[in-house]
Amino acid sequence: MSPSTPSAERMTWRARLAAFWRLLAQTGRLIVGVPDYDLYVAHMRRSHPDTPPMSREAFFAERMQARYGRGASRCC
């Protein structure tokens, strides 16, 4: 095997690192309150296959309305 050819073990390590990074990024977005559209789409396809998912724009508008637009105004 040449040094430039990655071994199966190294590819597994890279795949694990990529999966860890995706999980870390998703956790960070959830901590600061940014909704995850890709996770929403995966859920809709898995749990509600007959219902088309919202567009990215509609999803974020709905999430912002749910988070900040609760009808009555608040002081904080």
PDB file of N, CA and C in Angstrom:
ATOM      1  N   MET A   1       0.846  -1.168   0.000  1.00  0.00           N
ATOM      2  CA  MET A   1       0.000   0.000   0.000  1.00  0.00           C
ATOM      3  C   MET A   1       0.895   1.236   0.000  1.00  0.00           C
ATOM      4  N   SER A   2       0.597   2.186  -0.857  1.00  0.00           N
ATOM      5  CA  SER A   2       1.415   3.395  -0.912  1.00  0.00           C
ATOM      6  C   SER A   2       1.018   4.350   0.215  1.00  0.00           C
ATOM      7  N   PRO A   3       1.917   5.256   0.636  1.00  0.00           N
ATOM      8  CA  PRO A   3       1.619   6.187   1.716  1.00  0.00           C
ATOM      9  C   PRO A   3       0.461   7.133   1.402  1.00  0.00           C
ATOM     10  N   SER A   4       0.196   7.382   0.103  1.00  0.00           N
ATOM     11  CA  SER A   4      -0.879   8.297  -0.251  1.00  0.00           C
ATOM     12  C   SER A   4      -2.263   7.641  -0.231  1.00  0.00           C
ATOM     13  N   THR A   5      -2.308   6.311  -0.183  1.00  0.00           N
ATOM     14  CA  THR A   5      -3.579   5.602  -0.148  1.00  0.00           C
ATOM     15  C   THR A   5      -4.028   5.419   1.301  1.00  0.00           C
ATOM     16  N   PRO A   6      -5.183   6.011   1.680  1.00  0.00           N
ATOM     17  CA  PRO A   6      -5.636   5.869   3.065  1.00  0.00           C
ATOM     18  C   PRO A   6      -6.106   4.448   3.341  1.00  0.00           C
ATOM     19  N   SER A   7      -5.773   3.957   4.505  1.00  0.00           N
ATOM     20  CA  SER A   7      -6.204   2.616   4.884  1.00  0.00           C
ATOM     21  C   SER A   7      -7.658   2.669   5.349  1.00  0.00           C
ATOM     22  N   ALA A   8      -8.265   1.501   5.479  1.00  0.00           N
ATOM     23  CA  ALA A   8      -9.650   1.419   5.949  1.00  0.00           C
ATOM     24  C   ALA A   8      -9.757   1.964   7.365  1.00  0.00           C
ATOM     25  N   GLU A   9      -8.735   1.705   8.187  1.00  0.00           N
ATOM     26  CA  GLU A   9      -8.750   2.193   9.566  1.00  0.00           C
ATOM     27  C   GLU A   9      -8.716   3.717   9.593  1.00  0.00           C
ATOM     28  N   ARG A  10      -7.907   4.305   8.738  1.00  0.00           N
ATOM     29  CA  ARG A  10      -7.811   5.768   8.691  1.00  0.00           C
ATOM     30  C   ARG A  10      -9.122   6.378   8.188  1.00  0.00           C
ATOM     31  N   MET A  11      -9.760   5.756   7.218  1.00  0.00           N
ATOM     32  CA  MET A  11     -11.040   6.257   6.712  1.00  0.00           C
ATOM     33  C   MET A  11     -12.094   6.170   7.814  1.00  0.00           C
ATOM     34  N   THR A  12     -12.052   5.112   8.592  1.00  0.00           N
ATOM     35  CA  THR A  12     -12.990   4.983   9.698  1.00  0.00           C
ATOM     36  C   THR A  12     -12.750   6.102  10.699  1.00  0.00           C
ATOM     37  N   TRP A  13     -11.495   6.409  10.958  1.00  0.00           N
ATOM     38  CA  TRP A  13     -11.158   7.494  11.866  1.00  0.00           C
ATOM     39  C   TRP A  13     -11.670   8.820  11.325  1.00  0.00           C
ATOM     40  N   ARG A  14     -11.489   9.046  10.039  1.00  0.00           N
ATOM     41  CA  ARG A  14     -11.977  10.278   9.421  1.00  0.00           C
ATOM     42  C   ARG A  14     -13.496  10.355   9.464  1.00  0.00           C
ATOM     43  N   ALA A  15     -14.155   9.240   9.204  1.00  0.00           N
ATOM     44  CA  ALA A  15     -15.626   9.224   9.247  1.00  0.00           C
ATOM     45  C   ALA A  15     -16.121   9.503  10.665  1.00  0.00           C
ATOM     46  N   ARG A  16     -15.443   8.932  11.648  1.00  0.00           N
ATOM     47  CA  ARG A  16     -15.824   9.200  13.041  1.00  0.00           C
ATOM     48  C   ARG A  16     -15.620  10.659  13.398  1.00  0.00           C
ATOM     49  N   LEU A  17     -14.513  11.232  12.961  1.00  0.00           N
ATOM     50  CA  LEU A  17     -14.232  12.635  13.233  1.00  0.00           C
ATOM     51  C   LEU A  17     -15.275  13.529  12.564  1.00  0.00           C
ATOM     52  N   ALA A  18     -15.655  13.213  11.335  1.00  0.00           N
ATOM     53  CA  ALA A  18     -16.668  13.992  10.626  1.00  0.00           C
ATOM     54  C   ALA A  18     -18.019  13.898  11.338  1.00  0.00           C
ATOM     55  N   ALA A  19     -18.395  12.696  11.793  1.00  0.00           N
ATOM     56  CA  ALA A  19     -19.651  12.531  12.517  1.00  0.00           C
ATOM     57  C   ALA A  19     -19.627  13.294  13.837  1.00  0.00           C
ATOM     58  N   PHE A  20     -18.488  13.256  14.526  1.00  0.00           N
ATOM     59  CA  PHE A  20     -18.353  13.994  15.781  1.00  0.00           C
ATOM     60  C   PHE A  20     -18.473  15.492  15.533  1.00  0.00           C
ATOM     61  N   TRP A  21     -17.836  15.978  14.471  1.00  0.00           N
ATOM     62  CA  TRP A  21     -17.892  17.400  14.151  1.00  0.00           C
ATOM     63  C   TRP A  21     -19.326  17.833  13.830  1.00  0.00           C
ATOM     64  N   ARG A  22     -20.072  17.002  13.074  1.00  0.00           N
ATOM     65  CA  ARG A  22     -21.468  17.323  12.767  1.00  0.00           C
ATOM     66  C   ARG A  22     -22.300  17.390  14.039  1.00  0.00           C
ATOM     67  N   LEU A  23     -22.089  16.455  14.957  1.00  0.00           N
ATOM     68  CA  LEU A  23     -22.813  16.449  16.224  1.00  0.00           C
ATOM     69  C   LEU A  23     -22.450  17.672  17.061  1.00  0.00           C
ATOM     70  N   LEU A  24     -21.186  18.022  17.090  1.00  0.00           N
ATOM     71  CA  LEU A  24     -20.738  19.197  17.834  1.00  0.00           C
ATOM     72  C   LEU A  24     -21.345  20.476  17.252  1.00  0.00           C
ATOM     73  N   ALA A  25     -21.362  20.594  15.948  1.00  0.00           N
ATOM     74  CA  ALA A  25     -21.946  21.771  15.297  1.00  0.00           C
ATOM     75  C   ALA A  25     -23.443  21.843  15.559  1.00  0.00           C
ATOM     76  N   GLN A  26     -24.131  20.709  15.473  1.00  0.00           N
ATOM     77  CA  GLN A  26     -25.574  20.672  15.742  1.00  0.00           C
ATOM     78  C   GLN A  26     -25.850  21.075  17.186  1.00  0.00           C
ATOM     79  N   THR A  27     -25.066  20.582  18.124  1.00  0.00           N
ATOM     80  CA  THR A  27     -25.235  20.940  19.530  1.00  0.00           C
ATOM     81  C   THR A  27     -25.008  22.431  19.738  1.00  0.00           C
ATOM     82  N   GLY A  28     -23.984  22.964  19.115  1.00  0.00           N
ATOM     83  CA  GLY A  28     -23.711  24.393  19.223  1.00  0.00           C
ATOM     84  C   GLY A  28     -24.862  25.233  18.690  1.00  0.00           C
ATOM     85  N   ARG A  29     -25.426  24.822  17.547  1.00  0.00           N
ATOM     86  CA  ARG A  29     -26.566  25.566  16.999  1.00  0.00           C
ATOM     87  C   ARG A  29     -27.767  25.505  17.931  1.00  0.00           C
ATOM     88  N   LEU A  30     -28.006  24.353  18.531  1.00  0.00           N
ATOM     89  CA  LEU A  30     -29.127  24.231  19.464  1.00  0.00           C
ATOM     90  C   LEU A  30     -28.915  25.076  20.713  1.00  0.00           C
ATOM     91  N   ILE A  31     -27.684  25.168  21.172  1.00  0.00           N
ATOM     92  CA  ILE A  31     -27.385  25.969  22.367  1.00  0.00           C
ATOM     93  C   ILE A  31     -27.715  27.438  22.128  1.00  0.00           C
ATOM     94  N   VAL A  32     -27.377  27.949  20.957  1.00  0.00           N
ATOM     95  CA  VAL A  32     -27.627  29.362  20.681  1.00  0.00           C
ATOM     96  C   VAL A  32     -28.995  29.600  20.052  1.00  0.00           C
ATOM     97  N   GLY A  33     -29.773  28.555  19.848  1.00  0.00           N
ATOM     98  CA  GLY A  33     -31.146  28.704  19.379  1.00  0.00           C
ATOM     99  C   GLY A  33     -31.340  28.734  17.880  1.00  0.00           C
ATOM    100  N   VAL A  34     -30.383  28.246  17.118  1.00  0.00           N
ATOM    101  CA  VAL A  34     -30.526  28.195  15.662  1.00  0.00           C
ATOM    102  C   VAL A  34     -31.111  26.832  15.301  1.00  0.00           C
ATOM    103  N   PRO A  35     -32.279  26.812  14.678  1.00  0.00           N
ATOM    104  CA  PRO A  35     -32.900  25.531  14.332  1.00  0.00           C
ATOM    105  C   PRO A  35     -32.126  24.808  13.232  1.00  0.00           C
ATOM    106  N   ASP A  36     -32.221  23.495  13.217  1.00  0.00           N
ATOM    107  CA  ASP A  36     -31.485  22.664  12.264  1.00  0.00           C
ATOM    108  C   ASP A  36     -32.442  22.163  11.180  1.00  0.00           C
ATOM    109  N   TYR A  37     -32.376  22.786  10.004  1.00  0.00           N
ATOM    110  CA  TYR A  37     -33.288  22.450   8.908  1.00  0.00           C
ATOM    111  C   TYR A  37     -33.074  21.020   8.422  1.00  0.00           C
ATOM    112  N   ASP A  38     -31.823  20.586   8.297  1.00  0.00           N
ATOM    113  CA  ASP A  38     -31.546  19.229   7.800  1.00  0.00           C
ATOM    114  C   ASP A  38     -32.126  18.170   8.735  1.00  0.00           C
ATOM    115  N   LEU A  39     -32.042  18.407  10.032  1.00  0.00           N
ATOM    116  CA  LEU A  39     -32.631  17.476  10.999  1.00  0.00           C
ATOM    117  C   LEU A  39     -34.152  17.450  10.857  1.00  0.00           C
ATOM    118  N   TYR A  40     -34.753  18.614  10.634  1.00  0.00           N
ATOM    119  CA  TYR A  40     -36.201  18.707  10.419  1.00  0.00           C
ATOM    120  C   TYR A  40     -36.617  17.915   9.181  1.00  0.00           C
ATOM    121  N   VAL A  41     -35.884  18.093   8.078  1.00  0.00           N
ATOM    122  CA  VAL A  41     -36.214  17.385   6.837  1.00  0.00           C
ATOM    123  C   VAL A  41     -36.092  15.875   7.031  1.00  0.00           C
ATOM    124  N   ALA A  42     -35.043  15.433   7.712  1.00  0.00           N
ATOM    125  CA  ALA A  42     -34.868  13.995   7.968  1.00  0.00           C
ATOM    126  C   ALA A  42     -36.032  13.465   8.803  1.00  0.00           C
ATOM    127  N   HIS A  43     -36.453  14.228   9.811  1.00  0.00           N
ATOM    128  CA  HIS A  43     -37.592  13.815  10.642  1.00  0.00           C
ATOM    129  C   HIS A  43     -38.867  13.719   9.807  1.00  0.00           C
ATOM    130  N   MET A  44     -39.109  14.727   8.964  1.00  0.00           N
ATOM    131  CA  MET A  44     -40.321  14.718   8.141  1.00  0.00           C
ATOM    132  C   MET A  44     -40.333  13.535   7.181  1.00  0.00           C
ATOM    133  N   ARG A  45     -39.220  13.236   6.578  1.00  0.00           N
ATOM    134  CA  ARG A  45     -39.159  12.106   5.640  1.00  0.00           C
ATOM    135  C   ARG A  45     -39.327  10.775   6.350  1.00  0.00           C
ATOM    136  N   ARG A  46     -38.802  10.680   7.571  1.00  0.00           N
ATOM    137  CA  ARG A  46     -38.882   9.441   8.319  1.00  0.00           C
ATOM    138  C   ARG A  46     -40.262   9.255   8.961  1.00  0.00           C
ATOM    139  N   SER A  47     -40.788  10.300   9.587  1.00  0.00           N
ATOM    140  CA  SER A  47     -42.009  10.172  10.380  1.00  0.00           C
ATOM    141  C   SER A  47     -43.284  10.573   9.648  1.00  0.00           C
ATOM    142  N   HIS A  48     -43.174  11.439   8.653  1.00  0.00           N
ATOM    143  CA  HIS A  48     -44.344  11.934   7.930  1.00  0.00           C
ATOM    144  C   HIS A  48     -44.066  11.907   6.428  1.00  0.00           C
ATOM    145  N   PRO A  49     -43.866  10.734   5.844  1.00  0.00           N
ATOM    146  CA  PRO A  49     -43.450  10.665   4.443  1.00  0.00           C
ATOM    147  C   PRO A  49     -44.480  11.209   3.453  1.00  0.00           C
ATOM    148  N   ASP A  50     -45.753  11.271   3.846  1.00  0.00           N
ATOM    149  CA  ASP A  50     -46.786  11.769   2.947  1.00  0.00           C
ATOM    150  C   ASP A  50     -46.941  13.292   2.998  1.00  0.00           C
ATOM    151  N   THR A  51     -46.254  13.966   3.934  1.00  0.00           N
ATOM    152  CA  THR A  51     -46.325  15.416   4.073  1.00  0.00           C
ATOM    153  C   THR A  51     -45.020  16.033   3.579  1.00  0.00           C
ATOM    154  N   PRO A  52     -45.104  16.930   2.601  1.00  0.00           N
ATOM    155  CA  PRO A  52     -43.857  17.554   2.128  1.00  0.00           C
ATOM    156  C   PRO A  52     -43.297  18.507   3.178  1.00  0.00           C
ATOM    157  N   PRO A  53     -41.985  18.526   3.364  1.00  0.00           N
ATOM    158  CA  PRO A  53     -41.396  19.455   4.341  1.00  0.00           C
ATOM    159  C   PRO A  53     -41.489  20.900   3.849  1.00  0.00           C
ATOM    160  N   MET A  54     -41.472  21.835   4.809  1.00  0.00           N
ATOM    161  CA  MET A  54     -41.480  23.251   4.469  1.00  0.00           C
ATOM    162  C   MET A  54     -40.174  23.598   3.757  1.00  0.00           C
ATOM    163  N   SER A  55     -40.202  24.681   3.008  1.00  0.00           N
ATOM    164  CA  SER A  55     -38.968  25.174   2.410  1.00  0.00           C
ATOM    165  C   SER A  55     -38.070  25.689   3.528  1.00  0.00           C
ATOM    166  N   ARG A  56     -36.805  25.866   3.225  1.00  0.00           N
ATOM    167  CA  ARG A  56     -35.853  26.369   4.220  1.00  0.00           C
ATOM    168  C   ARG A  56     -36.309  27.730   4.756  1.00  0.00           C
ATOM    169  N   GLU A  57     -36.767  28.595   3.865  1.00  0.00           N
ATOM    170  CA  GLU A  57     -37.204  29.931   4.280  1.00  0.00           C
ATOM    171  C   GLU A  57     -38.436  29.855   5.175  1.00  0.00           C
ATOM    172  N   ALA A  58     -39.412  29.033   4.784  1.00  0.00           N
ATOM    173  CA  ALA A  58     -40.635  28.889   5.588  1.00  0.00           C
ATOM    174  C   ALA A  58     -40.317  28.265   6.948  1.00  0.00           C
ATOM    175  N   PHE A  59     -39.397  27.317   6.963  1.00  0.00           N
ATOM    176  CA  PHE A  59     -39.015  26.675   8.221  1.00  0.00           C
ATOM    177  C   PHE A  59     -38.427  27.690   9.193  1.00  0.00           C
ATOM    178  N   PHE A  60     -37.474  28.494   8.724  1.00  0.00           N
ATOM    179  CA  PHE A  60     -36.849  29.472   9.614  1.00  0.00           C
ATOM    180  C   PHE A  60     -37.832  30.554  10.039  1.00  0.00           C
ATOM    181  N   ALA A  61     -38.720  30.987   9.132  1.00  0.00           N
ATOM    182  CA  ALA A  61     -39.731  31.980   9.499  1.00  0.00           C
ATOM    183  C   ALA A  61     -40.659  31.407  10.574  1.00  0.00           C
ATOM    184  N   GLU A  62     -41.066  30.159  10.430  1.00  0.00           N
ATOM    185  CA  GLU A  62     -41.952  29.527  11.417  1.00  0.00           C
ATOM    186  C   GLU A  62     -41.249  29.369  12.757  1.00  0.00           C
ATOM    187  N   ARG A  63     -39.993  28.979  12.739  1.00  0.00           N
ATOM    188  CA  ARG A  63     -39.237  28.813  13.989  1.00  0.00           C
ATOM    189  C   ARG A  63     -39.032  30.147  14.702  1.00  0.00           C
ATOM    190  N   MET A  64     -38.753  31.203  13.946  1.00  0.00           N
ATOM    191  CA  MET A  64     -38.586  32.522  14.562  1.00  0.00           C
ATOM    192  C   MET A  64     -39.909  33.031  15.124  1.00  0.00           C
ATOM    193  N   GLN A  65     -41.009  32.767  14.411  1.00  0.00           N
ATOM    194  CA  GLN A  65     -42.328  33.156  14.912  1.00  0.00           C
ATOM    195  C   GLN A  65     -42.645  32.383  16.185  1.00  0.00           C
ATOM    196  N   ALA A  66     -42.337  31.102  16.217  1.00  0.00           N
ATOM    197  CA  ALA A  66     -42.598  30.286  17.407  1.00  0.00           C
ATOM    198  C   ALA A  66     -41.741  30.742  18.584  1.00  0.00           C
ATOM    199  N   ARG A  67     -40.539  31.193  18.300  1.00  0.00           N
ATOM    200  CA  ARG A  67     -39.653  31.592  19.386  1.00  0.00           C
ATOM    201  C   ARG A  67     -39.917  32.998  19.900  1.00  0.00           C
ATOM    202  N   TYR A  68     -40.164  33.941  18.981  1.00  0.00           N
ATOM    203  CA  TYR A  68     -40.235  35.340  19.387  1.00  0.00           C
ATOM    204  C   TYR A  68     -41.631  35.952  19.279  1.00  0.00           C
ATOM    205  N   GLY A  69     -42.502  35.410  18.455  1.00  0.00           N
ATOM    206  CA  GLY A  69     -43.795  36.050  18.203  1.00  0.00           C
ATOM    207  C   GLY A  69     -44.946  35.354  18.891  1.00  0.00           C
ATOM    208  N   ARG A  70     -44.967  35.363  20.174  1.00  0.00           N
ATOM    209  CA  ARG A  70     -45.997  34.634  20.917  1.00  0.00           C
ATOM    210  C   ARG A  70     -47.284  35.417  21.121  1.00  0.00           C
ATOM    211  N   GLY A  71     -47.509  36.465  20.340  1.00  0.00           N
ATOM    212  CA  GLY A  71     -48.747  37.220  20.461  1.00  0.00           C
ATOM    213  C   GLY A  71     -48.597  38.397  21.403  1.00  0.00           C
ATOM    214  N   ALA A  72     -48.705  38.175  22.695  1.00  0.00           N
ATOM    215  CA  ALA A  72     -48.605  39.271  23.660  1.00  0.00           C
ATOM    216  C   ALA A  72     -47.161  39.764  23.712  1.00  0.00           C
ATOM    217  N   SER A  73     -47.008  41.078  23.782  1.00  0.00           N
ATOM    218  CA  SER A  73     -45.650  41.611  23.866  1.00  0.00           C
ATOM    219  C   SER A  73     -45.073  41.373  25.245  1.00  0.00           C
ATOM    220  N   ARG A  74     -43.784  41.215  25.284  1.00  0.00           N
ATOM    221  CA  ARG A  74     -43.083  40.969  26.540  1.00  0.00           C
ATOM    222  C   ARG A  74     -42.045  42.062  26.752  1.00  0.00           C
ATOM    223  N   CYS A  75     -41.706  42.288  27.991  1.00  0.00           N
ATOM    224  CA  CYS A  75     -40.693  43.305  28.268  1.00  0.00           C
ATOM    225  C   CYS A  75     -39.279  42.752  28.101  1.00  0.00           C
ATOM    226  N   CYS A  76     -39.114  41.446  28.161  1.00  0.00           N
ATOM    227  CA  CYS A  76     -37.775  40.894  28.037  1.00  0.00           C
ATOM    228  C   CYS A  76     -37.790  39.528  27.403  1.00  0.00           C
TER     229      CYS A  76
END
